[in-house]
PDB file of N, CA and C in Angstrom:
ATOM      1  N   UNK A   1      48.261 135.585 114.195  1.00  0.00           N
ATOM      2  CA  UNK A   1      49.099 136.285 113.381  1.00  0.00           C
ATOM      3  C   UNK A   1      49.192 137.688 112.940  1.00  0.00           C
ATOM      4  N   UNK A   2      50.792 138.033 113.016  1.00  0.00           N
ATOM      5  CA  UNK A   2      50.911 139.645 112.777  1.00  0.00           C
ATOM      6  C   UNK A   2      51.000 139.576 111.383  1.00  0.00           C
ATOM      7  N   UNK A   3      50.632 140.815 111.004  1.00  0.00           N
ATOM      8  CA  UNK A   3      50.758 141.369 109.543  1.00  0.00           C
ATOM      9  C   UNK A   3      52.235 142.022 109.430  1.00  0.00           C
ATOM     10  N   UNK A   4      52.830 142.446 111.033  1.00  0.00           N
ATOM     11  CA  UNK A   4      53.891 143.089 111.067  1.00  0.00           C
ATOM     12  C   UNK A   4      55.068 142.167 110.306  1.00  0.00           C
ATOM     13  N   UNK A   5      56.165 142.820 109.368  1.00  0.00           N
ATOM     14  CA  UNK A   5      57.409 141.735 108.880  1.00  0.00           C
ATOM     15  C   UNK A   5      57.902 141.037 110.045  1.00  0.00           C
ATOM     16  N   UNK A   6      58.354 139.906 109.710  1.00  0.00           N
ATOM     17  CA  UNK A   6      58.556 138.838 111.162  1.00  0.00           C
ATOM     18  C   UNK A   6      60.666 139.186 111.032  1.00  0.00           C
ATOM     19  N   UNK A   7      61.143 139.437 111.954  1.00  0.00           N
ATOM     20  CA  UNK A   7      62.574 139.196 111.998  1.00  0.00           C
ATOM     21  C   UNK A   7      63.024 138.509 113.016  1.00  0.00           C
ATOM     22  N   UNK A   8      63.825 137.655 112.499  1.00  0.00           N
ATOM     23  CA  UNK A   8      64.796 136.867 113.312  1.00  0.00           C
ATOM     24  C   UNK A   8      66.114 137.433 114.004  1.00  0.00           C
ATOM     25  N   UNK A   9      66.162 137.151 114.960  1.00  0.00           N
ATOM     26  CA  UNK A   9      67.476 137.697 115.558  1.00  0.00           C
ATOM     27  C   UNK A   9      68.040 137.013 116.488  1.00  0.00           C
ATOM     28  N   UNK A  10      69.447 136.587 116.259  1.00  0.00           N
ATOM     29  CA  UNK A  10      70.277 135.660 117.356  1.00  0.00           C
ATOM     30  C   UNK A  10      71.644 135.949 117.250  1.00  0.00           C
ATOM     31  N   UNK A  11      71.452 135.604 118.731  1.00  0.00           N
ATOM     32  CA  UNK A  11      72.822 136.310 119.379  1.00  0.00           C
ATOM     33  C   UNK A  11      73.144 135.696 120.805  1.00  0.00           C
ATOM     34  N   UNK A  12      74.178 135.184 120.661  1.00  0.00           N
ATOM     35  CA  UNK A  12      74.260 134.385 122.175  1.00  0.00           C
ATOM     36  C   UNK A  12      74.586 135.452 123.728  1.00  0.00           C
ATOM     37  N   UNK A  13      74.751 136.329 123.044  1.00  0.00           N
ATOM     38  CA  UNK A  13      74.534 137.823 124.251  1.00  0.00           C
ATOM     39  C   UNK A  13      73.248 138.054 124.581  1.00  0.00           C
ATOM     40  N   UNK A  14      72.721 137.804 125.720  1.00  0.00           N
ATOM     41  CA  UNK A  14      71.213 138.071 125.952  1.00  0.00           C
ATOM     42  C   UNK A  14      70.887 139.230 126.088  1.00  0.00           C
ATOM     43  N   UNK A  15      71.842 140.207 126.314  1.00  0.00           N
ATOM     44  CA  UNK A  15      71.768 141.828 126.562  1.00  0.00           C
ATOM     45  C   UNK A  15      71.535 142.429 125.585  1.00  0.00           C
ATOM     46  N   UNK A  16      72.483 141.696 124.194  1.00  0.00           N
ATOM     47  CA  UNK A  16      72.716 142.529 123.107  1.00  0.00           C
ATOM     48  C   UNK A  16      71.228 142.112 122.590  1.00  0.00           C
ATOM     49  N   UNK A  17      70.814 140.504 122.603  1.00  0.00           N
ATOM     50  CA  UNK A  17      69.594 139.797 121.823  1.00  0.00           C
ATOM     51  C   UNK A  17      68.148 140.554 122.226  1.00  0.00           C
ATOM     52  N   UNK A  18      68.503 141.135 123.462  1.00  0.00           N
ATOM     53  CA  UNK A  18      67.294 141.759 124.422  1.00  0.00           C
ATOM     54  C   UNK A  18      67.187 143.231 123.413  1.00  0.00           C
ATOM     55  N   UNK A  19      68.031 144.066 123.264  1.00  0.00           N
ATOM     56  CA  UNK A  19      68.596 145.262 123.072  1.00  0.00           C
ATOM     57  C   UNK A  19      67.891 144.891 121.265  1.00  0.00           C
ATOM     58  N   UNK A  20      68.698 144.571 120.812  1.00  0.00           N
ATOM     59  CA  UNK A  20      67.705 144.384 119.215  1.00  0.00           C
ATOM     60  C   UNK A  20      66.565 143.890 119.065  1.00  0.00           C
ATOM     61  N   UNK A  21      66.333 142.885 119.836  1.00  0.00           N
ATOM     62  CA  UNK A  21      64.535 142.883 119.602  1.00  0.00           C
ATOM     63  C   UNK A  21      63.913 144.140 120.170  1.00  0.00           C
ATOM     64  N   UNK A  22      64.322 144.751 121.320  1.00  0.00           N
ATOM     65  CA  UNK A  22      63.480 145.894 121.691  1.00  0.00           C
ATOM     66  C   UNK A  22      63.402 146.505 120.757  1.00  0.00           C
ATOM     67  N   UNK A  23      64.307 147.326 120.243  1.00  0.00           N
ATOM     68  CA  UNK A  23      64.343 148.253 119.215  1.00  0.00           C
ATOM     69  C   UNK A  23      63.533 147.493 118.043  1.00  0.00           C
ATOM     70  N   UNK A  24      63.854 146.632 117.734  1.00  0.00           N
ATOM     71  CA  UNK A  24      62.840 146.119 116.388  1.00  0.00           C
ATOM     72  C   UNK A  24      61.601 146.299 116.582  1.00  0.00           C
ATOM     73  N   UNK A  25      61.153 145.651 117.715  1.00  0.00           N
ATOM     74  CA  UNK A  25      59.640 145.445 118.167  1.00  0.00           C
ATOM     75  C   UNK A  25      58.760 146.941 118.366  1.00  0.00           C
ATOM     76  N   UNK A  26      59.771 148.039 118.754  1.00  0.00           N
ATOM     77  CA  UNK A  26      59.483 149.324 119.072  1.00  0.00           C
ATOM     78  C   UNK A  26      59.268 149.989 117.730  1.00  0.00           C
ATOM     79  N   UNK A  27      60.062 149.536 116.496  1.00  0.00           N
ATOM     80  CA  UNK A  27      59.878 150.096 115.123  1.00  0.00           C
ATOM     81  C   UNK A  27      58.862 149.787 114.426  1.00  0.00           C
ATOM     82  N   UNK A  28      58.050 148.723 115.287  1.00  0.00           N
ATOM     83  CA  UNK A  28      56.960 148.068 114.565  1.00  0.00           C
ATOM     84  C   UNK A  28      57.226 146.573 113.959  1.00  0.00           C
ATOM     85  N   UNK A  29      58.220 146.069 114.402  1.00  0.00           N
ATOM     86  CA  UNK A  29      58.311 144.281 113.778  1.00  0.00           C
ATOM     87  C   UNK A  29      58.116 143.366 114.684  1.00  0.00           C
ATOM     88  N   UNK A  30      57.579 142.530 114.462  1.00  0.00           N
ATOM     89  CA  UNK A  30      57.561 141.380 114.947  1.00  0.00           C
ATOM     90  C   UNK A  30      59.316 140.558 115.117  1.00  0.00           C
ATOM     91  N   UNK A  31      59.140 140.225 115.923  1.00  0.00           N
ATOM     92  CA  UNK A  31      60.949 139.491 116.372  1.00  0.00           C
ATOM     93  C   UNK A  31      60.516 138.253 117.038  1.00  0.00           C
ATOM     94  N   UNK A  32      61.509 137.000 116.471  1.00  0.00           N
ATOM     95  CA  UNK A  32      61.745 135.978 117.282  1.00  0.00           C
ATOM     96  C   UNK A  32      63.485 135.979 117.298  1.00  0.00           C
ATOM     97  N   UNK A  33      63.453 135.140 118.531  1.00  0.00           N
ATOM     98  CA  UNK A  33      64.754 135.191 118.864  1.00  0.00           C
ATOM     99  C   UNK A  33      65.698 133.903 118.797  1.00  0.00           C
ATOM    100  N   UNK A  34      66.692 133.896 119.014  1.00  0.00           N
ATOM    101  CA  UNK A  34      67.398 132.356 118.866  1.00  0.00           C
ATOM    102  C   UNK A  34      68.917 132.753 119.380  1.00  0.00           C
ATOM    103  N   UNK A  35      69.051 131.523 120.517  1.00  0.00           N
ATOM    104  CA  UNK A  35      70.636 132.195 121.440  1.00  0.00           C
ATOM    105  C   UNK A  35      71.725 131.528 120.720  1.00  0.00           C
ATOM    106  N   UNK A  36      71.751 130.761 119.371  1.00  0.00           N
ATOM    107  CA  UNK A  36      72.737 130.071 119.069  1.00  0.00           C
ATOM    108  C   UNK A  36      72.375 129.865 117.284  1.00  0.00           C
ATOM    109  N   UNK A  37      73.633 129.308 116.403  1.00  0.00           N
ATOM    110  CA  UNK A  37      73.261 129.212 115.070  1.00  0.00           C
ATOM    111  C   UNK A  37      72.406 128.436 114.765  1.00  0.00           C
ATOM    112  N   UNK A  38      72.585 126.848 115.558  1.00  0.00           N
ATOM    113  CA  UNK A  38      71.203 125.697 115.125  1.00  0.00           C
ATOM    114  C   UNK A  38      70.215 126.223 115.601  1.00  0.00           C
ATOM    115  N   UNK A  39      69.764 126.996 116.437  1.00  0.00           N
ATOM    116  CA  UNK A  39      68.292 127.157 116.885  1.00  0.00           C
ATOM    117  C   UNK A  39      67.879 128.534 115.723  1.00  0.00           C
ATOM    118  N   UNK A  40      68.687 129.382 114.978  1.00  0.00           N
ATOM    119  CA  UNK A  40      68.453 130.448 114.503  1.00  0.00           C
ATOM    120  C   UNK A  40      68.076 129.499 112.991  1.00  0.00           C
ATOM    121  N   UNK A  41      68.706 128.721 112.392  1.00  0.00           N
ATOM    122  CA  UNK A  41      68.486 127.692 111.162  1.00  0.00           C
ATOM    123  C   UNK A  41      67.212 127.296 111.549  1.00  0.00           C
ATOM    124  N   UNK A  42      66.940 126.782 112.802  1.00  0.00           N
ATOM    125  CA  UNK A  42      65.407 126.116 112.771  1.00  0.00           C
ATOM    126  C   UNK A  42      64.289 126.683 112.920  1.00  0.00           C
ATOM    127  N   UNK A  43      64.674 127.913 113.533  1.00  0.00           N
ATOM    128  CA  UNK A  43      63.920 128.970 113.628  1.00  0.00           C
ATOM    129  C   UNK A  43      63.514 129.655 112.426  1.00  0.00           C
ATOM    130  N   UNK A  44      64.441 129.740 111.308  1.00  0.00           N
ATOM    131  CA  UNK A  44      63.865 130.359 110.112  1.00  0.00           C
ATOM    132  C   UNK A  44      63.316 129.831 108.984  1.00  0.00           C
ATOM    133  N   UNK A  45      63.901 128.168 109.414  1.00  0.00           N
ATOM    134  CA  UNK A  45      63.067 127.281 108.765  1.00  0.00           C
ATOM    135  C   UNK A  45      61.443 126.841 109.072  1.00  0.00           C
ATOM    136  N   UNK A  46      61.137 127.473 110.302  1.00  0.00           N
ATOM    137  CA  UNK A  46      60.095 127.012 110.545  1.00  0.00           C
ATOM    138  C   UNK A  46      58.719 127.898 110.528  1.00  0.00           C
ATOM    139  N   UNK A  47      59.718 129.695 110.586  1.00  0.00           N
ATOM    140  CA  UNK A  47      58.692 130.685 110.306  1.00  0.00           C
ATOM    141  C   UNK A  47      59.192 131.596 109.369  1.00  0.00           C
ATOM    142  N   UNK A  48      59.767 131.348 108.471  1.00  0.00           N
ATOM    143  CA  UNK A  48      60.277 132.077 107.448  1.00  0.00           C
ATOM    144  C   UNK A  48      60.115 133.696 107.482  1.00  0.00           C
ATOM    145  N   UNK A  49      61.264 133.896 108.142  1.00  0.00           N
ATOM    146  CA  UNK A  49      60.990 135.492 108.512  1.00  0.00           C
ATOM    147  C   UNK A  49      61.654 135.957 107.208  1.00  0.00           C
ATOM    148  N   UNK A  50      61.249 137.616 107.285  1.00  0.00           N
ATOM    149  CA  UNK A  50      61.451 138.637 105.930  1.00  0.00           C
ATOM    150  C   UNK A  50      63.232 138.932 106.183  1.00  0.00           C
ATOM    151  N   UNK A  51      63.535 138.613 107.461  1.00  0.00           N
ATOM    152  CA  UNK A  51      64.930 139.398 107.682  1.00  0.00           C
ATOM    153  C   UNK A  51      65.471 138.401 108.897  1.00  0.00           C
ATOM    154  N   UNK A  52      67.044 138.690 108.792  1.00  0.00           N
ATOM    155  CA  UNK A  52      67.666 137.805 110.088  1.00  0.00           C
ATOM    156  C   UNK A  52      68.806 138.760 110.441  1.00  0.00           C
ATOM    157  N   UNK A  53      68.739 138.861 111.874  1.00  0.00           N
ATOM    158  CA  UNK A  53      70.222 139.809 112.227  1.00  0.00           C
ATOM    159  C   UNK A  53      70.494 138.813 112.894  1.00  0.00           C
ATOM    160  N   UNK A  54      72.137 138.185 112.467  1.00  0.00           N
ATOM    161  CA  UNK A  54      73.178 137.327 113.122  1.00  0.00           C
ATOM    162  C   UNK A  54      74.085 138.227 113.643  1.00  0.00           C
ATOM    163  N   UNK A  55      74.231 137.708 114.746  1.00  0.00           N
ATOM    164  CA  UNK A  55      75.696 137.441 115.705  1.00  0.00           C
ATOM    165  C   UNK A  55      76.422 136.745 114.827  1.00  0.00           C
ATOM    166  N   UNK A  56      77.832 137.235 114.146  1.00  0.00           N
ATOM    167  CA  UNK A  56      78.873 136.658 113.707  1.00  0.00           C
ATOM    168  C   UNK A  56      79.370 135.374 114.825  1.00  0.00           C
ATOM    169  N   UNK A  57      79.433 135.389 116.127  1.00  0.00           N
ATOM    170  CA  UNK A  57      80.206 134.742 116.800  1.00  0.00           C
ATOM    171  C   UNK A  57      79.428 133.987 117.796  1.00  0.00           C
ATOM    172  N   UNK A  58      78.729 132.905 117.456  1.00  0.00           N
ATOM    173  CA  UNK A  58      77.872 132.339 118.284  1.00  0.00           C
ATOM    174  C   UNK A  58      78.132 130.792 118.511  1.00  0.00           C
ATOM    175  N   UNK A  59      77.843 129.851 119.674  1.00  0.00           N
ATOM    176  CA  UNK A  59      77.936 128.938 119.421  1.00  0.00           C
ATOM    177  C   UNK A  59      76.814 127.962 118.603  1.00  0.00           C
ATOM    178  N   UNK A  60      77.687 126.523 118.375  1.00  0.00           N
ATOM    179  CA  UNK A  60      76.975 125.584 117.584  1.00  0.00           C
ATOM    180  C   UNK A  60      77.208 126.187 116.121  1.00  0.00           C
ATOM    181  N   UNK A  61      76.847 127.016 115.763  1.00  0.00           N
ATOM    182  CA  UNK A  61      77.238 127.748 114.358  1.00  0.00           C
ATOM    183  C   UNK A  61      77.565 129.542 114.276  1.00  0.00           C
ATOM    184  N   UNK A  62      78.577 129.640 113.793  1.00  0.00           N
ATOM    185  CA  UNK A  62      78.740 130.774 113.819  1.00  0.00           C
ATOM    186  C   UNK A  62      77.539 131.265 112.770  1.00  0.00           C
ATOM    187  N   UNK A  63      77.786 132.882 112.507  1.00  0.00           N
ATOM    188  CA  UNK A  63      76.519 133.571 111.884  1.00  0.00           C
ATOM    189  C   UNK A  63      77.289 133.317 110.048  1.00  0.00           C
ATOM    190  N   UNK A  64      78.444 133.496 110.125  1.00  0.00           N
ATOM    191  CA  UNK A  64      78.763 132.989 108.855  1.00  0.00           C
ATOM    192  C   UNK A  64      78.139 131.547 108.535  1.00  0.00           C
ATOM    193  N   UNK A  65      77.936 130.355 109.321  1.00  0.00           N
ATOM    194  CA  UNK A  65      78.045 129.127 108.925  1.00  0.00           C
ATOM    195  C   UNK A  65      76.306 128.943 108.534  1.00  0.00           C
ATOM    196  N   UNK A  66      75.641 129.877 109.316  1.00  0.00           N
ATOM    197  CA  UNK A  66      74.040 130.194 109.385  1.00  0.00           C
ATOM    198  C   UNK A  66      73.891 130.594 108.069  1.00  0.00           C
ATOM    199  N   UNK A  67      74.447 131.734 107.772  1.00  0.00           N
ATOM    200  CA  UNK A  67      74.206 132.481 106.594  1.00  0.00           C
ATOM    201  C   UNK A  67      74.244 131.515 105.199  1.00  0.00           C
ATOM    202  N   UNK A  68      75.634 130.730 105.318  1.00  0.00           N
ATOM    203  CA  UNK A  68      75.586 129.849 104.114  1.00  0.00           C
ATOM    204  C   UNK A  68      74.509 128.896 104.167  1.00  0.00           C
ATOM    205  N   UNK A  69      74.149 128.566 105.034  1.00  0.00           N
ATOM    206  CA  UNK A  69      73.072 127.281 105.029  1.00  0.00           C
ATOM    207  C   UNK A  69      71.723 128.055 104.546  1.00  0.00           C
ATOM    208  N   UNK A  70      71.119 129.482 105.247  1.00  0.00           N
ATOM    209  CA  UNK A  70      69.980 129.885 104.857  1.00  0.00           C
ATOM    210  C   UNK A  70      70.023 129.966 103.394  1.00  0.00           C
ATOM    211  N   UNK A  71      71.186 130.558 102.729  1.00  0.00           N
ATOM    212  CA  UNK A  71      71.828 130.758 101.558  1.00  0.00           C
ATOM    213  C   UNK A  71      71.354 129.424 100.562  1.00  0.00           C
ATOM    214  N   UNK A  72      71.658 128.225 101.215  1.00  0.00           N
ATOM    215  CA  UNK A  72      71.535 127.162 100.035  1.00  0.00           C
ATOM    216  C   UNK A  72      70.144 126.466 100.082  1.00  0.00           C
ATOM    217  N   UNK A  73      69.059 126.964 101.208  1.00  0.00           N
ATOM    218  CA  UNK A  73      68.036 126.422 101.150  1.00  0.00           C
ATOM    219  C   UNK A  73      67.114 127.476  99.999  1.00  0.00           C
ATOM    220  N   UNK A  74      67.029 126.744  99.233  1.00  0.00           N
ATOM    221  CA  UNK A  74      65.838 127.472  98.161  1.00  0.00           C
ATOM    222  C   UNK A  74      64.816 128.156  98.910  1.00  0.00           C
ATOM    223  N   UNK A  75      64.276 127.857 100.213  1.00  0.00           N
ATOM    224  CA  UNK A  75      62.912 128.353 100.490  1.00  0.00           C
ATOM    225  C   UNK A  75      63.483 129.680 101.326  1.00  0.00           C
ATOM    226  N   UNK A  76      64.951 130.080 101.536  1.00  0.00           N
ATOM    227  CA  UNK A  76      64.911 130.994 102.362  1.00  0.00           C
ATOM    228  C   UNK A  76      66.141 131.796 101.449  1.00  0.00           C
ATOM    229  N   UNK A  77      66.803 131.087 100.402  1.00  0.00           N
ATOM    230  CA  UNK A  77      67.937 132.096  99.690  1.00  0.00           C
ATOM    231  C   UNK A  77      67.542 133.467  99.594  1.00  0.00           C
ATOM    232  N   UNK A  78      66.061 134.113  99.136  1.00  0.00           N
ATOM    233  CA  UNK A  78      66.204 135.560  99.559  1.00  0.00           C
ATOM    234  C   UNK A  78      65.776 136.203 100.798  1.00  0.00           C
ATOM    235  N   UNK A  79      66.051 135.610 101.442  1.00  0.00           N
ATOM    236  CA  UNK A  79      66.042 136.310 103.155  1.00  0.00           C
ATOM    237  C   UNK A  79      67.029 137.544 103.034  1.00  0.00           C
ATOM    238  N   UNK A  80      66.759 138.195 103.519  1.00  0.00           N
ATOM    239  CA  UNK A  80      67.532 139.486 103.892  1.00  0.00           C
ATOM    240  C   UNK A  80      68.302 139.287 105.458  1.00  0.00           C
ATOM    241  N   UNK A  81      69.857 139.432 105.207  1.00  0.00           N
ATOM    242  CA  UNK A  81      70.483 138.973 106.547  1.00  0.00           C
ATOM    243  C   UNK A  81      71.141 140.207 106.696  1.00  0.00           C
ATOM    244  N   UNK A  82      71.410 140.710 107.993  1.00  0.00           N
ATOM    245  CA  UNK A  82      72.512 141.590 108.560  1.00  0.00           C
ATOM    246  C   UNK A  82      73.236 140.874 109.361  1.00  0.00           C
ATOM    247  N   UNK A  83      74.579 140.715 109.043  1.00  0.00           N
ATOM    248  CA  UNK A  83      75.472 140.006 110.041  1.00  0.00           C
ATOM    249  C   UNK A  83      75.999 141.396 111.111  1.00  0.00           C
ATOM    250  N   UNK A  84      75.877 141.143 112.394  1.00  0.00           N
ATOM    251  CA  UNK A  84      76.741 142.057 113.706  1.00  0.00           C
ATOM    252  C   UNK A  84      77.985 141.357 114.453  1.00  0.00           C
ATOM    253  N   UNK A  85      78.973 142.217 114.267  1.00  0.00           N
ATOM    254  CA  UNK A  85      80.205 141.747 115.228  1.00  0.00           C
ATOM    255  C   UNK A  85      80.971 142.553 115.352  1.00  0.00           C
ATOM    256  N   UNK A  86      81.413 142.523 116.607  1.00  0.00           N
ATOM    257  CA  UNK A  86      82.992 143.053 116.899  1.00  0.00           C
ATOM    258  C   UNK A  86      84.082 142.804 115.965  1.00  0.00           C
ATOM    259  N   UNK A  87      83.772 141.741 115.022  1.00  0.00           N
ATOM    260  CA  UNK A  87      85.046 141.307 113.996  1.00  0.00           C
ATOM    261  C   UNK A  87      84.862 142.386 113.169  1.00  0.00           C
ATOM    262  N   UNK A  88      85.702 143.411 113.026  1.00  0.00           N
ATOM    263  CA  UNK A  88      85.462 144.377 111.864  1.00  0.00           C
ATOM    264  C   UNK A  88      86.473 144.786 111.139  1.00  0.00           C
ATOM    265  N   UNK A  89      87.488 143.790 110.613  1.00  0.00           N
ATOM    266  CA  UNK A  89      88.445 143.777 110.143  1.00  0.00           C
ATOM    267  C   UNK A  89      88.303 143.478 108.729  1.00  0.00           C
ATOM    268  N   UNK A  90      88.617 144.241 107.837  1.00  0.00           N
ATOM    269  CA  UNK A  90      88.512 144.328 106.595  1.00  0.00           C
ATOM    270  C   UNK A  90      87.845 142.827 105.903  1.00  0.00           C
ATOM    271  N   UNK A  91      88.981 141.762 106.386  1.00  0.00           N
ATOM    272  CA  UNK A  91      88.538 140.161 105.965  1.00  0.00           C
ATOM    273  C   UNK A  91      87.521 140.049 106.611  1.00  0.00           C
ATOM    274  N   UNK A  92      87.101 140.366 107.751  1.00  0.00           N
ATOM    275  CA  UNK A  92      85.746 139.799 107.997  1.00  0.00           C
ATOM    276  C   UNK A  92      84.403 140.121 107.444  1.00  0.00           C
ATOM    277  N   UNK A  93      84.447 141.513 107.599  1.00  0.00           N
ATOM    278  CA  UNK A  93      83.503 142.323 106.568  1.00  0.00           C
ATOM    279  C   UNK A  93      83.469 141.234 104.939  1.00  0.00           C
ATOM    280  N   UNK A  94      84.617 141.267 104.517  1.00  0.00           N
ATOM    281  CA  UNK A  94      84.722 140.624 103.121  1.00  0.00           C
ATOM    282  C   UNK A  94      84.287 139.252 103.176  1.00  0.00           C
ATOM    283  N   UNK A  95      84.518 138.447 104.500  1.00  0.00           N
ATOM    284  CA  UNK A  95      83.720 137.132 104.569  1.00  0.00           C
ATOM    285  C   UNK A  95      82.442 137.091 104.969  1.00  0.00           C
ATOM    286  N   UNK A  96      81.971 138.155 105.604  1.00  0.00           N
ATOM    287  CA  UNK A  96      80.571 138.277 105.300  1.00  0.00           C
ATOM    288  C   UNK A  96      79.488 138.685 104.450  1.00  0.00           C
ATOM    289  N   UNK A  97      80.050 139.166 103.512  1.00  0.00           N
ATOM    290  CA  UNK A  97      79.362 139.609 102.182  1.00  0.00           C
ATOM    291  C   UNK A  97      79.768 138.795 101.366  1.00  0.00           C
ATOM    292  N   UNK A  98      81.153 138.344 101.228  1.00  0.00           N
ATOM    293  CA  UNK A  98      81.232 136.918  99.957  1.00  0.00           C
ATOM    294  C   UNK A  98      80.155 135.897 100.382  1.00  0.00           C
ATOM    295  N   UNK A  99      79.724 135.221 101.826  1.00  0.00           N
ATOM    296  CA  UNK A  99      78.696 134.653 102.269  1.00  0.00           C
ATOM    297  C   UNK A  99      77.411 134.747 101.606  1.00  0.00           C
ATOM    298  N   UNK A 100      77.118 135.993 101.431  1.00  0.00           N
ATOM    299  CA  UNK A 100      75.986 136.411 100.926  1.00  0.00           C
ATOM    300  C   UNK A 100      75.089 137.640 101.991  1.00  0.00           C
ATOM    301  N   UNK A 101      75.842 138.018 102.804  1.00  0.00           N
ATOM    302  CA  UNK A 101      75.269 139.230 103.432  1.00  0.00           C
ATOM    303  C   UNK A 101      74.777 140.423 103.048  1.00  0.00           C
ATOM    304  N   UNK A 102      73.585 141.044 103.306  1.00  0.00           N
ATOM    305  CA  UNK A 102      72.866 142.147 102.608  1.00  0.00           C
ATOM    306  C   UNK A 102      73.502 143.484 103.439  1.00  0.00           C
ATOM    307  N   UNK A 103      74.331 142.996 104.755  1.00  0.00           N
ATOM    308  CA  UNK A 103      74.714 144.021 105.604  1.00  0.00           C
ATOM    309  C   UNK A 103      75.633 143.639 106.484  1.00  0.00           C
ATOM    310  N   UNK A 104      76.423 144.145 106.945  1.00  0.00           N
ATOM    311  CA  UNK A 104      77.795 143.971 107.967  1.00  0.00           C
ATOM    312  C   UNK A 104      77.524 145.206 108.831  1.00  0.00           C
ATOM    313  N   UNK A 105      77.397 145.056 110.142  1.00  0.00           N
ATOM    314  CA  UNK A 105      77.300 146.261 111.117  1.00  0.00           C
ATOM    315  C   UNK A 105      78.329 145.982 112.406  1.00  0.00           C
ATOM    316  N   UNK A 106      79.036 146.894 112.517  1.00  0.00           N
ATOM    317  CA  UNK A 106      79.962 146.611 114.028  1.00  0.00           C
ATOM    318  C   UNK A 106      78.885 146.901 115.218  1.00  0.00           C
ATOM    319  N   UNK A 107      79.861 146.041 116.201  1.00  0.00           N
ATOM    320  CA  UNK A 107      79.378 146.029 117.314  1.00  0.00           C
ATOM    321  C   UNK A 107      80.680 146.934 118.249  1.00  0.00           C
ATOM    322  N   UNK A 108      80.073 147.629 119.117  1.00  0.00           N
ATOM    323  CA  UNK A 108      78.743 148.441 119.535  1.00  0.00           C
ATOM    324  C   UNK A 108      78.095 148.673 118.244  1.00  0.00           C
ATOM    325  N   UNK A 109      76.854 148.547 118.249  1.00  0.00           N
ATOM    326  CA  UNK A 109      76.143 149.341 117.148  1.00  0.00           C
ATOM    327  C   UNK A 109      75.236 150.230 117.499  1.00  0.00           C
ATOM    328  N   UNK A 110      74.733 151.463 116.899  1.00  0.00           N
ATOM    329  CA  UNK A 110      73.724 152.343 117.211  1.00  0.00           C
ATOM    330  C   UNK A 110      72.660 151.709 116.842  1.00  0.00           C
ATOM    331  N   UNK A 111      71.414 151.821 117.709  1.00  0.00           N
ATOM    332  CA  UNK A 111      70.183 151.001 117.594  1.00  0.00           C
ATOM    333  C   UNK A 111      69.414 151.504 116.467  1.00  0.00           C
ATOM    334  N   UNK A 112      69.681 153.134 116.340  1.00  0.00           N
ATOM    335  CA  UNK A 112      68.794 153.887 114.801  1.00  0.00           C
ATOM    336  C   UNK A 112      69.326 153.255 113.379  1.00  0.00           C
ATOM    337  N   UNK A 113      70.621 153.023 113.929  1.00  0.00           N
ATOM    338  CA  UNK A 113      71.305 152.452 112.837  1.00  0.00           C
ATOM    339  C   UNK A 113      71.031 151.296 112.272  1.00  0.00           C
ATOM    340  N   UNK A 114      70.927 150.346 113.122  1.00  0.00           N
ATOM    341  CA  UNK A 114      70.532 149.074 112.458  1.00  0.00           C
ATOM    342  C   UNK A 114      68.647 149.003 112.078  1.00  0.00           C
ATOM    343  N   UNK A 115      67.771 149.686 112.973  1.00  0.00           N
ATOM    344  CA  UNK A 115      66.961 149.637 112.531  1.00  0.00           C
ATOM    345  C   UNK A 115      66.535 150.687 111.210  1.00  0.00           C
ATOM    346  N   UNK A 116      67.214 151.752 110.771  1.00  0.00           N
ATOM    347  CA  UNK A 116      67.657 152.457 109.224  1.00  0.00           C
ATOM    348  C   UNK A 116      67.914 151.097 108.085  1.00  0.00           C
ATOM    349  N   UNK A 117      69.050 150.241 108.751  1.00  0.00           N
ATOM    350  CA  UNK A 117      69.229 149.499 107.987  1.00  0.00           C
ATOM    351  C   UNK A 117      68.295 148.398 107.735  1.00  0.00           C
ATOM    352  N   UNK A 118      67.377 147.854 108.663  1.00  0.00           N
ATOM    353  CA  UNK A 118      66.171 147.093 108.422  1.00  0.00           C
ATOM    354  C   UNK A 118      65.538 147.549 107.770  1.00  0.00           C
ATOM    355  N   UNK A 119      64.925 148.729 108.035  1.00  0.00           N
ATOM    356  CA  UNK A 119      63.917 149.548 106.875  1.00  0.00           C
ATOM    357  C   UNK A 119      64.488 149.481 105.577  1.00  0.00           C
ATOM    358  N   UNK A 120      65.323 149.790 105.669  1.00  0.00           N
ATOM    359  CA  UNK A 120      66.243 149.806 103.918  1.00  0.00           C
ATOM    360  C   UNK A 120      66.075 148.770 103.000  1.00  0.00           C
ATOM    361  N   UNK A 121      66.394 147.590 104.074  1.00  0.00           N
ATOM    362  CA  UNK A 121      66.825 146.422 103.225  1.00  0.00           C
ATOM    363  C   UNK A 121      65.133 145.675 102.978  1.00  0.00           C
ATOM    364  N   UNK A 122      64.076 146.142 103.978  1.00  0.00           N
ATOM    365  CA  UNK A 122      62.599 145.568 103.436  1.00  0.00           C
ATOM    366  C   UNK A 122      62.006 146.415 103.216  1.00  0.00           C
ATOM    367  N   UNK A 123      62.153 147.719 102.342  1.00  0.00           N
ATOM    368  CA  UNK A 123      61.671 148.572 101.663  1.00  0.00           C
ATOM    369  C   UNK A 123      60.558 149.767 102.105  1.00  0.00           C
ATOM    370  N   UNK A 124      61.182 150.380 103.348  1.00  0.00           N
ATOM    371  CA  UNK A 124      60.565 150.926 104.550  1.00  0.00           C
ATOM    372  C   UNK A 124      60.063 150.528 105.406  1.00  0.00           C
ATOM    373  N   UNK A 125      59.454 151.252 106.061  1.00  0.00           N
ATOM    374  CA  UNK A 125      59.087 151.190 107.904  1.00  0.00           C
ATOM    375  C   UNK A 125      57.781 150.124 107.529  1.00  0.00           C
ATOM    376  N   UNK A 126      57.788 149.626 108.464  1.00  0.00           N
ATOM    377  CA  UNK A 126      56.536 148.689 108.646  1.00  0.00           C
ATOM    378  C   UNK A 126      55.205 149.133 108.736  1.00  0.00           C
ATOM    379  N   UNK A 127      53.700 149.070 108.196  1.00  0.00           N
ATOM    380  CA  UNK A 127      52.719 150.170 108.139  1.00  0.00           C
ATOM    381  C   UNK A 127      51.918 149.418 109.231  1.00  0.00           C
TER     382      UNK A 127
END
């Protein structure tokens, strides 16, 4: 078991998933991956991450649906969630924030921006 904060990354695009995971691992986090919404929910329930980075448009369950499900689970209600999406119209961002997201980042995103947002939400850099 690692003492590093655990982050769940969920995206159906393998390249983006790998990029996000690699950048977060380099920043000192432990990362678990999911390729669809159902796998993301199962992973979150199994390992209780500190934070989740969710793609909005995924098969089986969208990032919005995953977020609603996580917020409905008392043991995961306080999980920090960042939504990543190419859908960046005001209504999309509003929908994500209304569903309970802590942050909404547009794709394509800058990796340092993502790492900084994770650190901000988790209260600093991992030790």
